[in-house]
Amino acid sequence: MKTPRTNENEHCIIAVYADDKKGLLGQILNMLNRRNYTISSLNVSRTDIRELVLITMEIELPLNKLSAILRKIEGIIEVYQAVAYTDDLALNKVGFYRVTKQMMDDNFWLLLQKYGATVSKIFEHSLVIQKIGTDTDLNEFYNRLDGEHLLSFCKSGLIAEKSMMQLDKYFEGVA
């Protein structure tokens, strides 16, 4: 049974394939900001096709407005396609945690092993740990590290695997 569409903001992923032109991201963000939608993650990635970029946004908006937003985004000249995903949103991100070196003991190494995290950089008084996982996984690991030894945390944007679609039809006949 389909969920009824309401005016309440719901979490979704919007993936946009477009030519890499100056000002494109600003146009898209202005469109969303005018409507006061919350963007919690934004990622722009080059693809292997010419000057094509994939813009992935994690956003909260009313689902009954989603198709209109997608049409408006696709109305931008540089945009080839805009798609949205509202289900299965447990997508991987990369989390970075900076901790003090005093945390390094046997329990620390067991914790890294248990959570599949790795040390990516060692500084004089601290080190950076990297972990790939869903928001839930990253938050769980954060909670295990939280305390006097956790100095900072950030996480990357995302790329939805579902958005890795075939765009051949857009480039047929282009040499």
C-alpha atoms as a PDB file:
ATOM      1  CA  MET A   1       0.000   0.000   0.000  1.00  0.00           C
ATOM      2  CA  LYS A   2       1.353   3.439  -0.918  1.00  0.00           C
ATOM      3  CA  THR A   3       1.974   6.014   1.769  1.00  0.00           C
ATOM      4  CA  PRO A   4      -0.364   8.993   1.350  1.00  0.00           C
ATOM      5  CA  ARG A   5       1.419  12.108   0.142  1.00  0.00           C
ATOM      6  CA  THR A   6       1.285  14.875   2.687  1.00  0.00           C
ATOM      7  CA  ASN A   7       2.603  18.387   3.135  1.00  0.00           C
ATOM      8  CA  GLU A   8       4.942  17.154   5.878  1.00  0.00           C
ATOM      9  CA  ASN A   9       8.625  17.194   4.985  1.00  0.00           C
ATOM     10  CA  GLU A  10      10.082  13.765   4.341  1.00  0.00           C
ATOM     11  CA  HIS A  11      13.615  12.593   3.733  1.00  0.00           C
ATOM     12  CA  CYS A  12      14.658  11.763   0.162  1.00  0.00           C
ATOM     13  CA  ILE A  13      17.665  11.660  -2.145  1.00  0.00           C
ATOM     14  CA  ILE A  14      17.718  13.673  -5.371  1.00  0.00           C
ATOM     15  CA  ALA A  15      20.312  12.754  -8.001  1.00  0.00           C
ATOM     16  CA  VAL A  16      20.924  15.187 -10.861  1.00  0.00           C
ATOM     17  CA  TYR A  17      22.961  14.458 -13.987  1.00  0.00           C
ATOM     18  CA  ALA A  18      24.060  17.640 -15.743  1.00  0.00           C
ATOM     19  CA  ASP A  19      26.770  19.330 -17.762  1.00  0.00           C
ATOM     20  CA  ASP A  20      29.418  20.873 -15.515  1.00  0.00           C
ATOM     21  CA  LYS A  21      28.678  24.582 -16.012  1.00  0.00           C
ATOM     22  CA  LYS A  22      29.396  27.506 -13.695  1.00  0.00           C
ATOM     23  CA  GLY A  23      26.365  28.612 -11.750  1.00  0.00           C
ATOM     24  CA  LEU A  24      24.407  25.357 -12.113  1.00  0.00           C
ATOM     25  CA  LEU A  25      24.703  24.351  -8.467  1.00  0.00           C
ATOM     26  CA  GLY A  26      23.711  27.871  -7.421  1.00  0.00           C
ATOM     27  CA  GLN A  27      20.565  27.698  -9.565  1.00  0.00           C
ATOM     28  CA  ILE A  28      19.521  24.397  -8.026  1.00  0.00           C
ATOM     29  CA  LEU A  29      20.262  25.513  -4.459  1.00  0.00           C
ATOM     30  CA  ASN A  30      18.407  28.821  -4.935  1.00  0.00           C
ATOM     31  CA  MET A  31      15.375  26.905  -6.183  1.00  0.00           C
ATOM     32  CA  LEU A  32      15.387  24.703  -3.069  1.00  0.00           C
ATOM     33  CA  ASN A  33      16.278  27.471  -0.604  1.00  0.00           C
ATOM     34  CA  ARG A  34      13.404  29.688  -1.802  1.00  0.00           C
ATOM     35  CA  ARG A  35      11.071  26.905  -0.723  1.00  0.00           C
ATOM     36  CA  ASN A  36      12.899  26.574   2.600  1.00  0.00           C
ATOM     37  CA  TYR A  37      13.768  22.884   2.132  1.00  0.00           C
ATOM     38  CA  THR A  38      16.504  21.481   4.353  1.00  0.00           C
ATOM     39  CA  ILE A  39      19.525  20.022   2.560  1.00  0.00           C
ATOM     40  CA  SER A  40      21.483  17.819   4.956  1.00  0.00           C
ATOM     41  CA  SER A  41      24.072  16.531   2.491  1.00  0.00           C
ATOM     42  CA  LEU A  42      25.342  17.692  -0.884  1.00  0.00           C
ATOM     43  CA  ASN A  43      27.857  16.003  -3.135  1.00  0.00           C
ATOM     44  CA  VAL A  44      29.071  16.921  -6.615  1.00  0.00           C
ATOM     45  CA  SER A  45      31.067  14.245  -8.446  1.00  0.00           C
ATOM     46  CA  ARG A  46      32.584  13.995 -11.900  1.00  0.00           C
ATOM     47  CA  THR A  47      31.516  11.010 -13.964  1.00  0.00           C
ATOM     48  CA  ASP A  48      33.334   9.161 -16.700  1.00  0.00           C
ATOM     49  CA  ILE A  49      31.121  10.737 -19.386  1.00  0.00           C
ATOM     50  CA  ARG A  50      32.523  13.944 -20.942  1.00  0.00           C
ATOM     51  CA  GLU A  51      31.836  16.983 -18.753  1.00  0.00           C
ATOM     52  CA  LEU A  52      28.973  15.303 -16.901  1.00  0.00           C
ATOM     53  CA  VAL A  53      28.582  15.669 -13.131  1.00  0.00           C
ATOM     54  CA  LEU A  54      26.379  13.841 -10.669  1.00  0.00           C
ATOM     55  CA  ILE A  55      24.882  16.103  -7.993  1.00  0.00           C
ATOM     56  CA  THR A  56      23.469  14.128  -5.078  1.00  0.00           C
ATOM     57  CA  MET A  57      21.399  15.880  -2.400  1.00  0.00           C
ATOM     58  CA  GLU A  58      19.955  14.499   0.780  1.00  0.00           C
ATOM     59  CA  ILE A  59      16.935  16.719   1.365  1.00  0.00           C
ATOM     60  CA  GLU A  60      13.731  17.063   3.347  1.00  0.00           C
ATOM     61  CA  LEU A  61      10.673  18.232   1.436  1.00  0.00           C
ATOM     62  CA  PRO A  62       6.957  17.428   1.091  1.00  0.00           C
ATOM     63  CA  LEU A  63       6.654  14.352  -1.115  1.00  0.00           C
ATOM     64  CA  ASN A  64       3.616  15.859  -2.852  1.00  0.00           C
ATOM     65  CA  LYS A  65       5.950  18.600  -4.186  1.00  0.00           C
ATOM     66  CA  LEU A  66       8.696  16.215  -5.302  1.00  0.00           C
ATOM     67  CA  SER A  67       7.633  15.672  -8.927  1.00  0.00           C
ATOM     68  CA  ALA A  68       7.229  19.438  -9.446  1.00  0.00           C
ATOM     69  CA  ILE A  69      10.718  20.059  -8.029  1.00  0.00           C
ATOM     70  CA  LEU A  70      12.209  17.385 -10.299  1.00  0.00           C
ATOM     71  CA  ARG A  71      10.514  18.976 -13.348  1.00  0.00           C
ATOM     72  CA  LYS A  72      11.865  22.406 -12.384  1.00  0.00           C
ATOM     73  CA  ILE A  73      15.379  21.023 -11.978  1.00  0.00           C
ATOM     74  CA  GLU A  74      15.121  19.235 -15.330  1.00  0.00           C
ATOM     75  CA  GLY A  75      13.984  22.551 -16.820  1.00  0.00           C
ATOM     76  CA  ILE A  76      17.486  23.929 -16.308  1.00  0.00           C
ATOM     77  CA  ILE A  77      19.243  23.780 -19.680  1.00  0.00           C
ATOM     78  CA  GLU A  78      22.349  21.931 -18.448  1.00  0.00           C
ATOM     79  CA  VAL A  79      20.375  19.192 -16.661  1.00  0.00           C
ATOM     80  CA  TYR A  80      19.861  15.857 -18.439  1.00  0.00           C
ATOM     81  CA  GLN A  81      17.955  14.051 -15.714  1.00  0.00           C
ATOM     82  CA  ALA A  82      16.831  14.454 -12.107  1.00  0.00           C
ATOM     83  CA  VAL A  83      15.576  11.453 -10.138  1.00  0.00           C
ATOM     84  CA  ALA A  84      14.484  10.993  -6.551  1.00  0.00           C
ATOM     85  CA  TYR A  85      14.716   8.068  -4.158  1.00  0.00           C
ATOM     86  CA  THR A  86      12.434   7.923  -1.139  1.00  0.00           C
ATOM     87  CA  ASP A  87      12.907   4.308  -0.069  1.00  0.00           C
ATOM     88  CA  ASP A  88      15.897   2.363   1.223  1.00  0.00           C
ATOM     89  CA  LEU A  89      17.778   5.444   2.377  1.00  0.00           C
ATOM     90  CA  ALA A  90      20.388   3.602   4.461  1.00  0.00           C
ATOM     91  CA  LEU A  91      23.234   4.861   2.252  1.00  0.00           C
ATOM     92  CA  ASN A  92      26.944   4.721   3.018  1.00  0.00           C
ATOM     93  CA  LYS A  93      28.965   7.788   3.909  1.00  0.00           C
ATOM     94  CA  VAL A  94      32.509   8.219   5.178  1.00  0.00           C
ATOM     95  CA  GLY A  95      32.989   9.397   8.760  1.00  0.00           C
ATOM     96  CA  PHE A  96      36.211  10.969  10.050  1.00  0.00           C
ATOM     97  CA  TYR A  97      36.951  11.054  13.777  1.00  0.00           C
ATOM     98  CA  ARG A  98      39.950  12.866  15.280  1.00  0.00           C
ATOM     99  CA  VAL A  99      40.959  11.473  18.667  1.00  0.00           C
ATOM    100  CA  THR A 100      43.861  12.014  21.060  1.00  0.00           C
ATOM    101  CA  LYS A 101      46.752   9.553  21.044  1.00  0.00           C
ATOM    102  CA  GLN A 102      46.035   8.783  24.708  1.00  0.00           C
ATOM    103  CA  MET A 103      43.109   6.699  23.475  1.00  0.00           C
ATOM    104  CA  MET A 104      45.459   4.173  21.839  1.00  0.00           C
ATOM    105  CA  ASP A 105      45.402   1.023  23.966  1.00  0.00           C
ATOM    106  CA  ASP A 106      44.327  -2.588  23.429  1.00  0.00           C
ATOM    107  CA  ASN A 107      40.629  -1.684  23.749  1.00  0.00           C
ATOM    108  CA  PHE A 108      41.035   1.019  21.106  1.00  0.00           C
ATOM    109  CA  TRP A 109      42.366  -1.459  18.521  1.00  0.00           C
ATOM    110  CA  LEU A 110      39.580  -3.924  19.356  1.00  0.00           C
ATOM    111  CA  LEU A 111      37.025  -1.130  18.905  1.00  0.00           C
ATOM    112  CA  LEU A 112      38.453  -0.263  15.466  1.00  0.00           C
ATOM    113  CA  GLN A 113      38.333  -3.923  14.461  1.00  0.00           C
ATOM    114  CA  LYS A 114      34.777  -4.418  15.736  1.00  0.00           C
ATOM    115  CA  TYR A 115      33.453  -1.390  13.820  1.00  0.00           C
ATOM    116  CA  GLY A 116      35.540  -1.852  10.674  1.00  0.00           C
ATOM    117  CA  ALA A 117      37.305   1.486  11.125  1.00  0.00           C
ATOM    118  CA  THR A 118      40.866   2.334  10.141  1.00  0.00           C
ATOM    119  CA  VAL A 119      43.472   4.883  11.189  1.00  0.00           C
ATOM    120  CA  SER A 120      43.972   7.155   8.167  1.00  0.00           C
ATOM    121  CA  LYS A 121      46.400   9.783   9.525  1.00  0.00           C
ATOM    122  CA  ILE A 122      48.637  10.085  12.571  1.00  0.00           C
ATOM    123  CA  PHE A 123      49.636  13.497  13.910  1.00  0.00           C
ATOM    124  CA  GLU A 124      51.926  14.411  16.807  1.00  0.00           C
ATOM    125  CA  HIS A 125      49.156  14.461  19.456  1.00  0.00           C
ATOM    126  CA  SER A 126      46.162  12.980  17.660  1.00  0.00           C
ATOM    127  CA  LEU A 127      45.047  10.617  14.926  1.00  0.00           C
ATOM    128  CA  VAL A 128      42.228  10.475  12.397  1.00  0.00           C
ATOM    129  CA  ILE A 129      40.009   7.415  12.144  1.00  0.00           C
ATOM    130  CA  GLN A 130      37.991   6.676   9.023  1.00  0.00           C
ATOM    131  CA  LYS A 131      34.826   4.577   8.921  1.00  0.00           C
ATOM    132  CA  ILE A 132      32.428   3.818   6.078  1.00  0.00           C
ATOM    133  CA  GLY A 133      28.800   3.163   6.945  1.00  0.00           C
ATOM    134  CA  THR A 134      25.263   4.428   7.199  1.00  0.00           C
ATOM    135  CA  ASP A 135      24.364   7.404   9.387  1.00  0.00           C
ATOM    136  CA  THR A 136      23.315   4.899  12.061  1.00  0.00           C
ATOM    137  CA  ASP A 137      26.671   3.065  11.877  1.00  0.00           C
ATOM    138  CA  LEU A 138      28.654   6.320  12.013  1.00  0.00           C
ATOM    139  CA  ASN A 139      26.611   7.627  14.951  1.00  0.00           C
ATOM    140  CA  GLU A 140      27.003   4.342  16.853  1.00  0.00           C
ATOM    141  CA  PHE A 141      30.784   4.497  16.417  1.00  0.00           C
ATOM    142  CA  TYR A 142      30.747   8.195  17.404  1.00  0.00           C
ATOM    143  CA  ASN A 143      28.910   7.315  20.625  1.00  0.00           C
ATOM    144  CA  ARG A 144      31.563   4.685  21.435  1.00  0.00           C
ATOM    145  CA  LEU A 145      34.339   7.267  20.950  1.00  0.00           C
ATOM    146  CA  ASP A 146      32.534  10.191  22.585  1.00  0.00           C
ATOM    147  CA  GLY A 147      34.291  11.611  25.593  1.00  0.00           C
ATOM    148  CA  GLU A 148      37.404  13.560  26.440  1.00  0.00           C
ATOM    149  CA  HIS A 149      39.500  11.869  23.723  1.00  0.00           C
ATOM    150  CA  LEU A 150      37.184  12.657  20.783  1.00  0.00           C
ATOM    151  CA  LEU A 151      38.381  15.980  19.367  1.00  0.00           C
ATOM    152  CA  SER A 152      36.253  16.345  16.228  1.00  0.00           C
ATOM    153  CA  PHE A 153      33.993  14.539  13.778  1.00  0.00           C
ATOM    154  CA  CYS A 154      32.644  15.086  10.274  1.00  0.00           C
ATOM    155  CA  LYS A 155      31.095  12.958   7.587  1.00  0.00           C
ATOM    156  CA  SER A 156      31.111  13.107   3.831  1.00  0.00           C
ATOM    157  CA  GLY A 157      28.284  13.575   1.414  1.00  0.00           C
ATOM    158  CA  LEU A 158      26.862  10.569  -0.304  1.00  0.00           C
ATOM    159  CA  ILE A 159      26.416   8.981  -3.662  1.00  0.00           C
ATOM    160  CA  ALA A 160      23.373   6.761  -4.030  1.00  0.00           C
ATOM    161  CA  GLU A 161      24.344   3.567  -5.807  1.00  0.00           C
ATOM    162  CA  LYS A 162      20.906   3.602  -7.440  1.00  0.00           C
ATOM    163  CA  SER A 163      21.834   6.836  -9.204  1.00  0.00           C
ATOM    164  CA  MET A 164      24.587   5.124 -11.200  1.00  0.00           C
ATOM    165  CA  MET A 165      22.220   4.741 -14.152  1.00  0.00           C
ATOM    166  CA  GLN A 166      22.816   4.338 -17.846  1.00  0.00           C
ATOM    167  CA  LEU A 167      22.776   7.670 -19.661  1.00  0.00           C
ATOM    168  CA  ASP A 168      23.696   6.297 -23.088  1.00  0.00           C
ATOM    169  CA  LYS A 169      20.398   7.469 -24.589  1.00  0.00           C
ATOM    170  CA  TYR A 170      21.389  11.084 -23.922  1.00  0.00           C
ATOM    171  CA  PHE A 171      24.643  10.758 -25.840  1.00  0.00           C
ATOM    172  CA  GLU A 172      23.634   8.661 -28.855  1.00  0.00           C
ATOM    173  CA  GLY A 173      25.106  10.161 -32.003  1.00  0.00           C
ATOM    174  CA  VAL A 174      27.479  12.439 -30.074  1.00  0.00           C
ATOM    175  CA  ALA A 175      31.046  11.944 -31.262  1.00  0.00           C
END
